[in-house]
Protein backbone atom coordinates (compact mmCIF):
# COMPACT_ATOMS: atom_id res chain seq x y z
CA MET A 1 0.16 0.19 0.27
CA ALA A 2 1.23 3.49 -0.75
CA GLY A 3 1.50 6.02 2.16
CA LYS A 4 -0.21 9.38 2.18
CA ASN A 5 -0.09 10.99 -1.29
CA ILE A 6 1.31 14.50 -0.04
CA ASN A 7 1.81 16.11 -3.37
CA ASN A 8 1.89 15.72 -7.00
CA GLY A 9 2.63 11.97 -6.90
CA VAL A 10 5.13 11.43 -4.46
CA ASP A 11 3.76 9.27 -1.33
CA GLU A 12 5.41 9.88 2.03
CA ILE A 13 5.84 6.58 3.61
CA SER A 14 6.83 5.03 6.55
CA GLY A 15 8.68 1.66 7.49
CA ASN A 16 6.05 -0.60 7.23
CA GLN A 17 5.58 0.88 3.46
CA PHE A 18 8.62 0.69 2.51
CA GLU A 19 8.60 -2.88 1.14
CA SER A 20 5.74 -2.38 -1.21
CA CYS A 21 7.67 0.45 -2.55
CA MET A 22 10.38 -2.04 -3.40
CA SER A 23 7.67 -3.72 -5.50
CA HIS A 24 8.52 -1.11 -7.93
CA PRO A 25 11.00 -2.10 -10.88
CA LEU A 26 12.57 1.37 -10.59
CA CYS A 27 12.02 3.74 -7.16
CA VAL A 28 13.25 6.77 -5.79
CA ILE A 29 12.82 7.43 -2.34
CA ASP A 30 13.65 11.08 -0.42
CA PHE A 31 15.26 10.92 2.84
CA PHE A 32 14.15 14.26 4.38
CA THR A 33 12.97 16.23 7.43
CA GLU A 34 10.15 18.93 7.56
CA TRP A 35 12.62 21.59 9.35
CA CYS A 36 15.39 20.90 6.57
CA MET A 37 15.70 24.07 4.13
CA PRO A 38 17.62 22.15 1.32
CA CYS A 39 15.13 19.33 1.52
CA LEU A 40 12.16 21.87 1.19
CA ILE A 41 13.99 23.15 -2.10
CA LEU A 42 14.01 19.81 -3.25
CA ALA A 43 10.49 19.01 -2.56
CA PRO A 44 9.20 20.34 -5.98
CA VAL A 45 12.04 19.27 -7.78
CA ILE A 46 11.11 15.53 -7.04
CA GLU A 47 7.21 16.61 -7.63
CA GLU A 48 8.03 17.55 -11.11
CA LEU A 49 10.36 14.47 -11.70
CA ALA A 50 7.48 12.33 -10.51
CA ASP A 51 5.13 14.07 -12.92
CA LYS A 52 7.67 13.69 -15.73
CA PHE A 53 8.33 9.97 -15.25
CA ARG A 54 5.23 8.99 -14.04
CA GLY A 55 4.49 5.14 -14.80
CA LYS A 56 8.43 4.96 -15.39
CA ILE A 57 9.46 5.49 -11.82
CA HIS A 58 7.87 5.28 -8.30
CA PHE A 59 9.18 8.50 -5.88
CA ALA A 60 8.47 8.54 -2.09
CA LYS A 61 9.59 10.35 0.56
CA ILE A 62 10.63 8.88 4.04
CA ASN A 63 10.82 11.42 6.92
CA VAL A 64 13.89 10.83 8.79
CA GLU A 65 12.90 11.71 11.83
CA GLU A 66 9.61 9.59 12.40
CA ASN A 67 11.72 6.86 10.49
CA GLN A 68 15.25 6.51 12.42
CA GLU A 69 15.32 2.84 12.20
CA LEU A 70 15.15 3.01 7.84
CA ALA A 71 17.61 6.45 8.03
CA GLN A 72 19.97 4.07 9.86
CA LYS A 73 19.20 1.03 8.17
CA PHE A 74 20.40 2.98 4.86
CA GLY A 75 23.31 5.24 6.49
CA ILE A 76 21.24 8.36 5.83
CA MET A 77 24.13 10.69 7.88
CA SER A 78 22.86 14.49 5.58
CA ILE A 79 19.71 15.42 4.09
CA PRO A 80 18.22 15.52 1.70
CA THR A 81 19.48 12.06 0.34
CA LEU A 82 17.73 10.37 -2.66
CA ILE A 83 18.67 6.71 -3.03
CA VAL A 84 17.52 5.12 -6.58
CA PHE A 85 16.37 1.32 -5.89
CA LYS A 86 16.40 -1.04 -8.70
CA LYS A 87 13.95 -4.23 -8.11
CA GLY A 88 14.95 -3.71 -4.44
CA GLU A 89 18.41 -3.02 -4.76
CA ILE A 90 20.50 0.31 -4.50
CA ILE A 91 22.01 1.45 -7.75
CA GLU A 92 22.67 5.06 -6.56
CA LYS A 93 22.71 7.51 -3.53
CA ILE A 94 22.64 11.05 -4.12
CA THR A 95 23.16 13.64 -0.95
CA GLY A 96 21.97 17.23 -1.49
CA SER A 97 19.54 19.47 -3.06
CA LEU A 98 20.72 18.82 -6.88
CA PRO A 99 19.10 20.94 -9.97
CA VAL A 100 16.23 19.17 -11.97
CA GLU A 101 18.45 18.72 -14.90
CA ILE A 102 20.87 16.97 -13.30
CA LEU A 103 18.72 14.60 -11.61
CA GLU A 104 16.75 13.89 -14.47
CA GLU A 105 20.06 12.88 -16.56
CA LYS A 106 20.86 10.39 -13.65
CA PHE A 107 17.70 8.79 -13.57
CA LYS A 108 17.32 8.60 -17.22
CA LYS A 109 20.34 5.92 -17.11
CA HIS A 110 18.82 3.98 -14.85
CA LEU A 111 15.31 3.16 -16.94
């Protein structure tokens, strides 16, 4: 099951919904917090990419303060961090707020 859809096709999920997210062939998880300014800057970029890659890449967000176990499991040391999963395996980890064009190119190479 998907988590609450917070905006434009990006679900906010928690630990118990994480596995269902991994069932998608290609999934990007945005690890964030509500108070992180770079996270807030990245949010509309992720929304734009979720719209652009609709049907090809599943996008979700995980609040690290509410899901510390998952953040620890994936070694999240700074936020925002995007982790790209292909068939449940980590294929790329991106830290920081990057422009939409750079992220789009990074994601395209995994399709």
